[in-house]
Each structure stands twice: as C-alpha cells, then as structure tokens.
mmCIF file of all heavy atoms, coordinates in Angstrom:
data_MODEL
# 
_entry.id   MODEL 
# 
loop_
_atom_site.group_PDB 
_atom_site.id 
_atom_site.type_symbol 
_atom_site.label_atom_id 
_atom_site.label_alt_id 
_atom_site.label_comp_id 
_atom_site.label_asym_id 
_atom_site.label_entity_id 
_atom_site.label_seq_id 
_atom_site.pdbx_PDB_ins_code 
_atom_site.Cartn_x 
_atom_site.Cartn_y 
_atom_site.Cartn_z 
_atom_site.occupancy 
_atom_site.B_iso_or_equiv 
_atom_site.pdbx_formal_charge 
_atom_site.auth_seq_id 
_atom_site.auth_comp_id 
_atom_site.auth_asym_id 
_atom_site.auth_atom_id 
_atom_site.pdbx_PDB_model_num 
ATOM 1   N N   . ALA A 1 1  ? 194.921 36.205 169.765 1.00 0.00 ? 1  ALA A N   1 
ATOM 2   C CA  . ALA A 1 1  ? 193.670 35.624 169.268 1.00 0.00 ? 1  ALA A CA  1 
ATOM 3   C C   . ALA A 1 1  ? 193.914 34.297 168.554 1.00 0.00 ? 1  ALA A C   1 
ATOM 4   O O   . ALA A 1 1  ? 193.187 33.319 168.761 1.00 0.00 ? 1  ALA A O   1 
ATOM 5   C CB  . ALA A 1 1  ? 192.975 36.613 168.328 1.00 0.00 ? 1  ALA A CB  1 
ATOM 6   N N   . ARG A 1 2  ? 194.943 34.260 167.719 1.00 0.00 ? 2  ARG A N   1 
ATOM 7   C CA  . ARG A 1 2  ? 195.247 33.020 166.994 1.00 0.00 ? 2  ARG A CA  1 
ATOM 8   C C   . ARG A 1 2  ? 195.647 31.914 167.980 1.00 0.00 ? 2  ARG A C   1 
ATOM 9   O O   . ARG A 1 2  ? 195.188 30.773 167.872 1.00 0.00 ? 2  ARG A O   1 
ATOM 10  C CB  . ARG A 1 2  ? 196.380 33.276 165.986 1.00 0.00 ? 2  ARG A CB  1 
ATOM 11  C CG  . ARG A 1 2  ? 196.588 32.141 164.997 1.00 0.00 ? 2  ARG A CG  1 
ATOM 12  C CD  . ARG A 1 2  ? 197.696 32.470 164.004 1.00 0.00 ? 2  ARG A CD  1 
ATOM 13  N NE  . ARG A 1 2  ? 197.364 33.598 163.151 1.00 0.00 ? 2  ARG A NE  1 
ATOM 14  C CZ  . ARG A 1 2  ? 196.629 33.525 162.045 1.00 0.00 ? 2  ARG A CZ  1 
ATOM 15  N NH1 . ARG A 1 2  ? 196.125 32.358 161.669 1.00 0.00 ? 2  ARG A NH1 1 
ATOM 16  N NH2 . ARG A 1 2  ? 196.392 34.593 161.317 1.00 0.00 ? 2  ARG A NH2 1 
ATOM 17  N N   . HIS A 1 3  ? 196.484 32.257 168.961 1.00 0.00 ? 3  HIS A N   1 
ATOM 18  C CA  . HIS A 1 3  ? 196.880 31.282 169.983 1.00 0.00 ? 3  HIS A CA  1 
ATOM 19  C C   . HIS A 1 3  ? 195.669 30.853 170.821 1.00 0.00 ? 3  HIS A C   1 
ATOM 20  O O   . HIS A 1 3  ? 195.559 29.685 171.214 1.00 0.00 ? 3  HIS A O   1 
ATOM 21  C CB  . HIS A 1 3  ? 197.946 31.883 170.899 1.00 0.00 ? 3  HIS A CB  1 
ATOM 22  C CG  . HIS A 1 3  ? 199.315 31.957 170.293 1.00 0.00 ? 3  HIS A CG  1 
ATOM 23  N ND1 . HIS A 1 3  ? 199.659 32.879 169.328 1.00 0.00 ? 3  HIS A ND1 1 
ATOM 24  C CD2 . HIS A 1 3  ? 200.428 31.228 170.511 1.00 0.00 ? 3  HIS A CD2 1 
ATOM 25  C CE1 . HIS A 1 3  ? 200.924 32.713 168.992 1.00 0.00 ? 3  HIS A CE1 1 
ATOM 26  N NE2 . HIS A 1 3  ? 201.417 31.713 169.692 1.00 0.00 ? 3  HIS A NE2 1 
ATOM 27  N N   . ASN A 1 4  ? 194.782 31.798 171.106 1.00 0.00 ? 4  ASN A N   1 
ATOM 28  C CA  . ASN A 1 4  ? 193.576 31.497 171.870 1.00 0.00 ? 4  ASN A CA  1 
ATOM 29  C C   . ASN A 1 4  ? 192.765 30.397 171.194 1.00 0.00 ? 4  ASN A C   1 
ATOM 30  O O   . ASN A 1 4  ? 192.305 29.447 171.846 1.00 0.00 ? 4  ASN A O   1 
ATOM 31  C CB  . ASN A 1 4  ? 192.739 32.778 171.999 1.00 0.00 ? 4  ASN A CB  1 
ATOM 32  C CG  . ASN A 1 4  ? 191.484 32.590 172.829 1.00 0.00 ? 4  ASN A CG  1 
ATOM 33  O OD1 . ASN A 1 4  ? 191.515 31.973 173.876 1.00 0.00 ? 4  ASN A OD1 1 
ATOM 34  N ND2 . ASN A 1 4  ? 190.366 33.120 172.349 1.00 0.00 ? 4  ASN A ND2 1 
ATOM 35  N N   . ARG A 1 5  ? 192.619 30.503 169.889 1.00 0.00 ? 5  ARG A N   1 
ATOM 36  C CA  . ARG A 1 5  ? 191.845 29.496 169.154 1.00 0.00 ? 5  ARG A CA  1 
ATOM 37  C C   . ARG A 1 5  ? 192.561 28.143 169.147 1.00 0.00 ? 5  ARG A C   1 
ATOM 38  O O   . ARG A 1 5  ? 191.918 27.088 169.228 1.00 0.00 ? 5  ARG A O   1 
ATOM 39  C CB  . ARG A 1 5  ? 191.568 29.998 167.728 1.00 0.00 ? 5  ARG A CB  1 
ATOM 40  C CG  . ARG A 1 5  ? 190.630 31.187 167.692 1.00 0.00 ? 5  ARG A CG  1 
ATOM 41  C CD  . ARG A 1 5  ? 190.152 31.511 166.284 1.00 0.00 ? 5  ARG A CD  1 
ATOM 42  N NE  . ARG A 1 5  ? 191.178 32.077 165.424 1.00 0.00 ? 5  ARG A NE  1 
ATOM 43  C CZ  . ARG A 1 5  ? 191.437 33.384 165.313 1.00 0.00 ? 5  ARG A CZ  1 
ATOM 44  N NH1 . ARG A 1 5  ? 190.752 34.272 166.032 1.00 0.00 ? 5  ARG A NH1 1 
ATOM 45  N NH2 . ARG A 1 5  ? 192.370 33.830 164.479 1.00 0.00 ? 5  ARG A NH2 1 
ATOM 46  N N   . VAL A 1 6  ? 193.891 28.165 169.046 1.00 0.00 ? 6  VAL A N   1 
ATOM 47  C CA  . VAL A 1 6  ? 194.650 26.903 169.044 1.00 0.00 ? 6  VAL A CA  1 
ATOM 48  C C   . VAL A 1 6  ? 194.484 26.174 170.380 1.00 0.00 ? 6  VAL A C   1 
ATOM 49  O O   . VAL A 1 6  ? 194.226 24.966 170.415 1.00 0.00 ? 6  VAL A O   1 
ATOM 50  C CB  . VAL A 1 6  ? 196.145 27.164 168.749 1.00 0.00 ? 6  VAL A CB  1 
ATOM 51  C CG1 . VAL A 1 6  ? 196.977 25.907 169.002 1.00 0.00 ? 6  VAL A CG1 1 
ATOM 52  C CG2 . VAL A 1 6  ? 196.332 27.627 167.302 1.00 0.00 ? 6  VAL A CG2 1 
ATOM 53  N N   . VAL A 1 7  ? 194.609 26.911 171.493 1.00 0.00 ? 7  VAL A N   1 
ATOM 54  C CA  . VAL A 1 7  ? 194.454 26.294 172.814 1.00 0.00 ? 7  VAL A CA  1 
ATOM 55  C C   . VAL A 1 7  ? 193.042 25.740 172.978 1.00 0.00 ? 7  VAL A C   1 
ATOM 56  O O   . VAL A 1 7  ? 192.846 24.621 173.475 1.00 0.00 ? 7  VAL A O   1 
ATOM 57  C CB  . VAL A 1 7  ? 194.759 27.302 173.944 1.00 0.00 ? 7  VAL A CB  1 
ATOM 58  C CG1 . VAL A 1 7  ? 194.459 26.688 175.312 1.00 0.00 ? 7  VAL A CG1 1 
ATOM 59  C CG2 . VAL A 1 7  ? 196.213 27.735 173.894 1.00 0.00 ? 7  VAL A CG2 1 
ATOM 60  N N   . MET A 1 8  ? 192.052 26.522 172.558 1.00 0.00 ? 8  MET A N   1 
ATOM 61  C CA  . MET A 1 8  ? 190.669 26.053 172.648 1.00 0.00 ? 8  MET A CA  1 
ATOM 62  C C   . MET A 1 8  ? 190.460 24.768 171.853 1.00 0.00 ? 8  MET A C   1 
ATOM 63  O O   . MET A 1 8  ? 189.833 23.822 172.334 1.00 0.00 ? 8  MET A O   1 
ATOM 64  C CB  . MET A 1 8  ? 189.711 27.137 172.125 1.00 0.00 ? 8  MET A CB  1 
ATOM 65  C CG  . MET A 1 8  ? 188.908 27.792 173.204 1.00 0.00 ? 8  MET A CG  1 
ATOM 66  S SD  . MET A 1 8  ? 187.565 28.777 172.557 1.00 0.00 ? 8  MET A SD  1 
ATOM 67  C CE  . MET A 1 8  ? 188.460 29.985 171.628 1.00 0.00 ? 8  MET A CE  1 
ATOM 68  N N   . MET A 1 9  ? 190.994 24.745 170.640 1.00 0.00 ? 9  MET A N   1 
ATOM 69  C CA  . MET A 1 9  ? 190.831 23.562 169.799 1.00 0.00 ? 9  MET A CA  1 
ATOM 70  C C   . MET A 1 9  ? 191.490 22.343 170.457 1.00 0.00 ? 9  MET A C   1 
ATOM 71  O O   . MET A 1 9  ? 190.919 21.233 170.437 1.00 0.00 ? 9  MET A O   1 
ATOM 72  C CB  . MET A 1 9  ? 191.419 23.803 168.407 1.00 0.00 ? 9  MET A CB  1 
ATOM 73  C CG  . MET A 1 9  ? 191.189 22.674 167.414 1.00 0.00 ? 9  MET A CG  1 
ATOM 74  S SD  . MET A 1 9  ? 189.430 22.357 167.058 1.00 0.00 ? 9  MET A SD  1 
ATOM 75  C CE  . MET A 1 9  ? 189.061 23.696 165.907 1.00 0.00 ? 9  MET A CE  1 
ATOM 76  N N   . GLN A 1 10 ? 192.666 22.525 171.041 1.00 0.00 ? 10 GLN A N   1 
ATOM 77  C CA  . GLN A 1 10 ? 193.319 21.416 171.740 1.00 0.00 ? 10 GLN A CA  1 
ATOM 78  C C   . GLN A 1 10 ? 192.424 20.867 172.853 1.00 0.00 ? 10 GLN A C   1 
ATOM 79  O O   . GLN A 1 10 ? 192.294 19.643 173.017 1.00 0.00 ? 10 GLN A O   1 
ATOM 80  C CB  . GLN A 1 10 ? 194.653 21.893 172.339 1.00 0.00 ? 10 GLN A CB  1 
ATOM 81  C CG  . GLN A 1 10 ? 195.728 22.206 171.316 1.00 0.00 ? 10 GLN A CG  1 
ATOM 82  C CD  . GLN A 1 10 ? 196.950 22.877 171.945 1.00 0.00 ? 10 GLN A CD  1 
ATOM 83  O OE1 . GLN A 1 10 ? 196.926 23.306 173.099 1.00 0.00 ? 10 GLN A OE1 1 
ATOM 84  N NE2 . GLN A 1 10 ? 198.030 22.975 171.177 1.00 0.00 ? 10 GLN A NE2 1 
ATOM 85  N N   . ASN A 1 11 ? 191.795 21.776 173.592 1.00 0.00 ? 11 ASN A N   1 
ATOM 86  C CA  . ASN A 1 11 ? 190.954 21.341 174.706 1.00 0.00 ? 11 ASN A CA  1 
ATOM 87  C C   . ASN A 1 11 ? 189.632 20.729 174.243 1.00 0.00 ? 11 ASN A C   1 
ATOM 88  O O   . ASN A 1 11 ? 189.097 19.831 174.902 1.00 0.00 ? 11 ASN A O   1 
ATOM 89  C CB  . ASN A 1 11 ? 190.711 22.514 175.657 1.00 0.00 ? 11 ASN A CB  1 
ATOM 90  C CG  . ASN A 1 11 ? 191.972 22.882 176.422 1.00 0.00 ? 11 ASN A CG  1 
ATOM 91  O OD1 . ASN A 1 11 ? 192.803 22.035 176.706 1.00 0.00 ? 11 ASN A OD1 1 
ATOM 92  N ND2 . ASN A 1 11 ? 192.131 24.160 176.742 1.00 0.00 ? 11 ASN A ND2 1 
ATOM 93  N N   . VAL A 1 12 ? 189.105 21.204 173.126 1.00 0.00 ? 12 VAL A N   1 
ATOM 94  C CA  . VAL A 1 12 ? 187.908 20.592 172.542 1.00 0.00 ? 12 VAL A CA  1 
ATOM 95  C C   . VAL A 1 12 ? 188.220 19.156 172.113 1.00 0.00 ? 12 VAL A C   1 
ATOM 96  O O   . VAL A 1 12 ? 187.459 18.220 172.409 1.00 0.00 ? 12 VAL A O   1 
ATOM 97  C CB  . VAL A 1 12 ? 187.398 21.417 171.339 1.00 0.00 ? 12 VAL A CB  1 
ATOM 98  C CG1 . VAL A 1 12 ? 186.355 20.631 170.538 1.00 0.00 ? 12 VAL A CG1 1 
ATOM 99  C CG2 . VAL A 1 12 ? 186.816 22.739 171.808 1.00 0.00 ? 12 VAL A CG2 1 
ATOM 100 N N   . ILE A 1 13 ? 189.336 18.967 171.437 1.00 0.00 ? 13 ILE A N   1 
ATOM 101 C CA  . ILE A 1 13 ? 189.721 17.627 170.977 1.00 0.00 ? 13 ILE A CA  1 
ATOM 102 C C   . ILE A 1 13 ? 189.890 16.683 172.164 1.00 0.00 ? 13 ILE A C   1 
ATOM 103 O O   . ILE A 1 13 ? 189.406 15.539 172.162 1.00 0.00 ? 13 ILE A O   1 
ATOM 104 C CB  . ILE A 1 13 ? 191.015 17.705 170.135 1.00 0.00 ? 13 ILE A CB  1 
ATOM 105 C CG1 . ILE A 1 13 ? 190.741 18.440 168.818 1.00 0.00 ? 13 ILE A CG1 1 
ATOM 106 C CG2 . ILE A 1 13 ? 191.579 16.310 169.867 1.00 0.00 ? 13 ILE A CG2 1 
ATOM 107 C CD1 . ILE A 1 13 ? 191.997 18.873 168.072 1.00 0.00 ? 13 ILE A CD1 1 
ATOM 108 N N   . ALA A 1 14 ? 190.566 17.175 173.209 1.00 0.00 ? 14 ALA A N   1 
ATOM 109 C CA  . ALA A 1 14 ? 190.774 16.348 174.408 1.00 0.00 ? 14 ALA A CA  1 
ATOM 110 C C   . ALA A 1 14 ? 189.439 15.988 175.062 1.00 0.00 ? 14 ALA A C   1 
ATOM 111 O O   . ALA A 1 14 ? 189.252 14.850 175.530 1.00 0.00 ? 14 ALA A O   1 
ATOM 112 C CB  . ALA A 1 14 ? 191.670 17.087 175.399 1.00 0.00 ? 14 ALA A CB  1 
ATOM 113 N N   . ALA A 1 15 ? 188.496 16.937 175.078 1.00 0.00 ? 15 ALA A N   1 
ATOM 114 C CA  . ALA A 1 15 ? 187.183 16.682 175.667 1.00 0.00 ? 15 ALA A CA  1 
ATOM 115 C C   . ALA A 1 15 ? 186.411 15.631 174.885 1.00 0.00 ? 15 ALA A C   1 
ATOM 116 O O   . ALA A 1 15 ? 185.777 14.733 175.461 1.00 0.00 ? 15 ALA A O   1 
ATOM 117 C CB  . ALA A 1 15 ? 186.381 17.983 175.735 1.00 0.00 ? 15 ALA A CB  1 
ATOM 118 N N   . VAL A 1 16 ? 186.467 15.724 173.554 1.00 0.00 ? 16 VAL A N   1 
ATOM 119 C CA  . VAL A 1 16 ? 185.754 14.757 172.717 1.00 0.00 ? 16 VAL A CA  1 
ATOM 120 C C   . VAL A 1 16 ? 186.342 13.363 172.896 1.00 0.00 ? 16 VAL A C   1 
ATOM 121 O O   . VAL A 1 16 ? 185.614 12.355 172.904 1.00 0.00 ? 16 VAL A O   1 
ATOM 122 C CB  . VAL A 1 16 ? 185.787 15.199 171.236 1.00 0.00 ? 16 VAL A CB  1 
ATOM 123 C CG1 . VAL A 1 16 ? 185.203 14.117 170.331 1.00 0.00 ? 16 VAL A CG1 1 
ATOM 124 C CG2 . VAL A 1 16 ? 185.028 16.509 171.052 1.00 0.00 ? 16 VAL A CG2 1 
ATOM 125 N N   . ARG A 1 17 ? 187.651 13.276 173.076 1.00 0.00 ? 17 ARG A N   1 
ATOM 126 C CA  . ARG A 1 17 ? 188.294 11.967 173.258 1.00 0.00 ? 17 ARG A CA  1 
ATOM 127 C C   . ARG A 1 17 ? 187.834 11.279 174.545 1.00 0.00 ? 17 ARG A C   1 
ATOM 128 O O   . ARG A 1 17 ? 187.904 10.052 174.660 1.00 0.00 ? 17 ARG A O   1 
ATOM 129 C CB  . ARG A 1 17 ? 189.816 12.127 173.244 1.00 0.00 ? 17 ARG A CB  1 
ATOM 130 C CG  . ARG A 1 17 ? 190.359 12.372 171.842 1.00 0.00 ? 17 ARG A CG  1 
ATOM 131 C CD  . ARG A 1 17 ? 191.872 12.232 171.757 1.00 0.00 ? 17 ARG A CD  1 
ATOM 132 N NE  . ARG A 1 17 ? 192.278 12.189 170.353 1.00 0.00 ? 17 ARG A NE  1 
ATOM 133 C CZ  . ARG A 1 17 ? 193.173 13.006 169.791 1.00 0.00 ? 17 ARG A CZ  1 
ATOM 134 N NH1 . ARG A 1 17 ? 193.776 13.924 170.527 1.00 0.00 ? 17 ARG A NH1 1 
ATOM 135 N NH2 . ARG A 1 17 ? 193.472 12.909 168.507 1.00 0.00 ? 17 ARG A NH2 1 
ATOM 136 N N   . LYS A 1 18 ? 187.355 12.046 175.514 1.00 0.00 ? 18 LYS A N   1 
ATOM 137 C CA  . LYS A 1 18 ? 186.832 11.455 176.747 1.00 0.00 ? 18 LYS A CA  1 
ATOM 138 C C   . LYS A 1 18 ? 185.444 10.844 176.531 1.00 0.00 ? 18 LYS A C   1 
ATOM 139 O O   . LYS A 1 18 ? 185.006 10.001 177.306 1.00 0.00 ? 18 LYS A O   1 
ATOM 140 C CB  . LYS A 1 18 ? 186.771 12.511 177.847 1.00 0.00 ? 18 LYS A CB  1 
ATOM 141 C CG  . LYS A 1 18 ? 188.141 12.974 178.330 1.00 0.00 ? 18 LYS A CG  1 
ATOM 142 C CD  . LYS A 1 18 ? 188.014 14.072 179.371 1.00 0.00 ? 18 LYS A CD  1 
ATOM 143 C CE  . LYS A 1 18 ? 189.394 14.558 179.832 1.00 0.00 ? 18 LYS A CE  1 
ATOM 144 N NZ  . LYS A 1 18 ? 189.282 15.678 180.801 1.00 0.00 ? 18 LYS A NZ  1 
ATOM 145 N N   . VAL A 1 19 ? 184.756 11.301 175.491 1.00 0.00 ? 19 VAL A N   1 
ATOM 146 C CA  . VAL A 1 19 ? 183.399 10.817 175.201 1.00 0.00 ? 19 VAL A CA  1 
ATOM 147 C C   . VAL A 1 19 ? 183.417 9.726  174.132 1.00 0.00 ? 19 VAL A C   1 
ATOM 148 O O   . VAL A 1 19 ? 182.674 8.744  174.213 1.00 0.00 ? 19 VAL A O   1 
ATOM 149 C CB  . VAL A 1 19 ? 182.500 11.989 174.758 1.00 0.00 ? 19 VAL A CB  1 
ATOM 150 C CG1 . VAL A 1 19 ? 181.104 11.500 174.387 1.00 0.00 ? 19 VAL A CG1 1 
ATOM 151 C CG2 . VAL A 1 19 ? 182.419 13.048 175.848 1.00 0.00 ? 19 VAL A CG2 1 
ATOM 152 N N   . ILE A 1 20 ? 184.271 9.902  173.132 1.00 0.00 ? 20 ILE A N   1 
ATOM 153 C CA  . ILE A 1 20 ? 184.350 8.944  172.024 1.00 0.00 ? 20 ILE A CA  1 
ATOM 154 C C   . ILE A 1 20 ? 185.626 8.125  172.183 1.00 0.00 ? 20 ILE A C   1 
ATOM 155 O O   . ILE A 1 20 ? 186.742 8.659  172.060 1.00 0.00 ? 20 ILE A O   1 
ATOM 156 C CB  . ILE A 1 20 ? 184.331 9.678  170.665 1.00 0.00 ? 20 ILE A CB  1 
ATOM 157 C CG1 . ILE A 1 20 ? 183.014 10.456 170.504 1.00 0.00 ? 20 ILE A CG1 1 
ATOM 158 C CG2 . ILE A 1 20 ? 184.513 8.689  169.514 1.00 0.00 ? 20 ILE A CG2 1 
ATOM 159 C CD1 . ILE A 1 20 ? 182.945 11.314 169.261 1.00 0.00 ? 20 ILE A CD1 1 
ATOM 160 N N   . ALA A 1 21 ? 185.490 6.843  172.473 1.00 0.00 ? 21 ALA A N   1 
ATOM 161 C CA  . ALA A 1 21 ? 186.644 5.988  172.760 1.00 0.00 ? 21 ALA A CA  1 
ATOM 162 C C   . ALA A 1 21 ? 187.471 5.683  171.511 1.00 0.00 ? 21 ALA A C   1 
ATOM 163 O O   . ALA A 1 21 ? 188.678 5.441  171.600 1.00 0.00 ? 21 ALA A O   1 
ATOM 164 C CB  . ALA A 1 21 ? 186.171 4.693  173.409 1.00 0.00 ? 21 ALA A CB  1 
ATOM 165 N N   . LYS A 1 22 ? 186.841 5.731  170.352 1.00 0.00 ? 22 LYS A N   1 
ATOM 166 C CA  . LYS A 1 22 ? 187.544 5.389  169.117 1.00 0.00 ? 22 LYS A CA  1 
ATOM 167 C C   . LYS A 1 22 ? 188.694 6.376  168.877 1.00 0.00 ? 22 LYS A C   1 
ATOM 168 O O   . LYS A 1 22 ? 188.491 7.586  168.901 1.00 0.00 ? 22 LYS A O   1 
ATOM 169 C CB  . LYS A 1 22 ? 186.568 5.435  167.936 1.00 0.00 ? 22 LYS A CB  1 
ATOM 170 C CG  . LYS A 1 22 ? 187.214 5.141  166.591 1.00 0.00 ? 22 LYS A CG  1 
ATOM 171 C CD  . LYS A 1 22 ? 186.198 5.212  165.452 1.00 0.00 ? 22 LYS A CD  1 
ATOM 172 C CE  . LYS A 1 22 ? 186.867 4.983  164.103 1.00 0.00 ? 22 LYS A CE  1 
ATOM 173 N NZ  . LYS A 1 22 ? 185.881 5.006  162.997 1.00 0.00 ? 22 LYS A NZ  1 
ATOM 174 N N   . PRO A 1 23 ? 189.910 5.891  168.622 1.00 0.00 ? 23 PRO A N   1 
ATOM 175 C CA  . PRO A 1 23 ? 191.030 6.805  168.333 1.00 0.00 ? 23 PRO A CA  1 
ATOM 176 C C   . PRO A 1 23 ? 190.762 7.594  167.052 1.00 0.00 ? 23 PRO A C   1 
ATOM 177 O O   . PRO A 1 23 ? 190.195 7.065  166.091 1.00 0.00 ? 23 PRO A O   1 
ATOM 178 C CB  . PRO A 1 23 ? 192.227 5.864  168.147 1.00 0.00 ? 23 PRO A CB  1 
ATOM 179 C CG  . PRO A 1 23 ? 191.817 4.582  168.806 1.00 0.00 ? 23 PRO A CG  1 
ATOM 180 C CD  . PRO A 1 23 ? 190.337 4.481  168.628 1.00 0.00 ? 23 PRO A CD  1 
ATOM 181 N N   . PHE A 1 24 ? 191.143 8.871  167.053 1.00 0.00 ? 24 PHE A N   1 
ATOM 182 C CA  . PHE A 1 24 ? 190.965 9.680  165.848 1.00 0.00 ? 24 PHE A CA  1 
ATOM 183 C C   . PHE A 1 24 ? 192.032 10.760 165.778 1.00 0.00 ? 24 PHE A C   1 
ATOM 184 O O   . PHE A 1 24 ? 192.618 11.140 166.786 1.00 0.00 ? 24 PHE A O   1 
ATOM 185 C CB  . PHE A 1 24 ? 189.565 10.304 165.802 1.00 0.00 ? 24 PHE A CB  1 
ATOM 186 C CG  . PHE A 1 24 ? 189.296 11.347 166.863 1.00 0.00 ? 24 PHE A CG  1 
ATOM 187 C CD1 . PHE A 1 24 ? 189.586 12.694 166.650 1.00 0.00 ? 24 PHE A CD1 1 
ATOM 188 C CD2 . PHE A 1 24 ? 188.720 10.986 168.084 1.00 0.00 ? 24 PHE A CD2 1 
ATOM 189 C CE1 . PHE A 1 24 ? 189.323 13.649 167.624 1.00 0.00 ? 24 PHE A CE1 1 
ATOM 190 C CE2 . PHE A 1 24 ? 188.448 11.938 169.060 1.00 0.00 ? 24 PHE A CE2 1 
ATOM 191 C CZ  . PHE A 1 24 ? 188.755 13.272 168.832 1.00 0.00 ? 24 PHE A CZ  1 
ATOM 192 N N   . MET A 1 25 ? 192.271 11.213 164.554 1.00 0.00 ? 25 MET A N   1 
ATOM 193 C CA  . MET A 1 25 ? 193.155 12.365 164.335 1.00 0.00 ? 25 MET A CA  1 
ATOM 194 C C   . MET A 1 25 ? 192.276 13.588 164.073 1.00 0.00 ? 25 MET A C   1 
ATOM 195 O O   . MET A 1 25 ? 191.145 13.458 163.588 1.00 0.00 ? 25 MET A O   1 
ATOM 196 C CB  . MET A 1 25 ? 194.079 12.117 163.144 1.00 0.00 ? 25 MET A CB  1 
ATOM 197 C CG  . MET A 1 25 ? 195.087 11.006 163.371 1.00 0.00 ? 25 MET A CG  1 
ATOM 198 S SD  . MET A 1 25 ? 196.310 10.907 162.044 1.00 0.00 ? 25 MET A SD  1 
ATOM 199 C CE  . MET A 1 25 ? 195.271 10.517 160.633 1.00 0.00 ? 25 MET A CE  1 
ATOM 200 N N   . ALA A 1 26 ? 192.803 14.769 164.375 1.00 0.00 ? 26 ALA A N   1 
ATOM 201 C CA  . ALA A 1 26 ? 192.000 15.990 164.211 1.00 0.00 ? 26 ALA A CA  1 
ATOM 202 C C   . ALA A 1 26 ? 192.773 17.075 163.476 1.00 0.00 ? 26 ALA A C   1 
ATOM 203 O O   . ALA A 1 26 ? 192.478 18.268 163.623 1.00 0.00 ? 26 ALA A O   1 
ATOM 204 C CB  . ALA A 1 26 ? 191.535 16.496 165.566 1.00 0.00 ? 26 ALA A CB  1 
ATOM 205 N N   . ASP A 1 27 ? 193.743 16.662 162.668 1.00 0.00 ? 27 ASP A N   1 
ATOM 206 C CA  . ASP A 1 27 ? 194.535 17.657 161.933 1.00 0.00 ? 27 ASP A CA  1 
ATOM 207 C C   . ASP A 1 27 ? 194.625 17.317 160.447 1.00 0.00 ? 27 ASP A C   1 
ATOM 208 O O   . ASP A 1 27 ? 195.592 17.631 159.773 1.00 0.00 ? 27 ASP A O   1 
ATOM 209 C CB  . ASP A 1 27 ? 195.935 17.776 162.536 1.00 0.00 ? 27 ASP A CB  1 
ATOM 210 C CG  . ASP A 1 27 ? 196.679 16.432 162.568 1.00 0.00 ? 27 ASP A CG  1 
ATOM 211 O OD1 . ASP A 1 27 ? 196.072 15.407 162.204 1.00 0.00 ? 27 ASP A OD1 1 
ATOM 212 O OD2 . ASP A 1 27 ? 197.860 16.425 162.970 1.00 0.00 ? 27 ASP A OD2 1 
# 
C-alpha cells in the first residue's frame, strides 16, 4: 500500500509536468 501511493504520486507529478511547463519540485 505504501509503495502503491509512492508510484501513484510519481505518476501524478509526471502528468502535471506535461501540463505545467514551469519547472517545480514536489518533495
């Protein structure tokens, strides 16, 4: 479950980066 959330968060961040061009950190 903990790993599941980490993978999901990685993919959410990657998806947002495709929409928002501005570089950002998420940690």
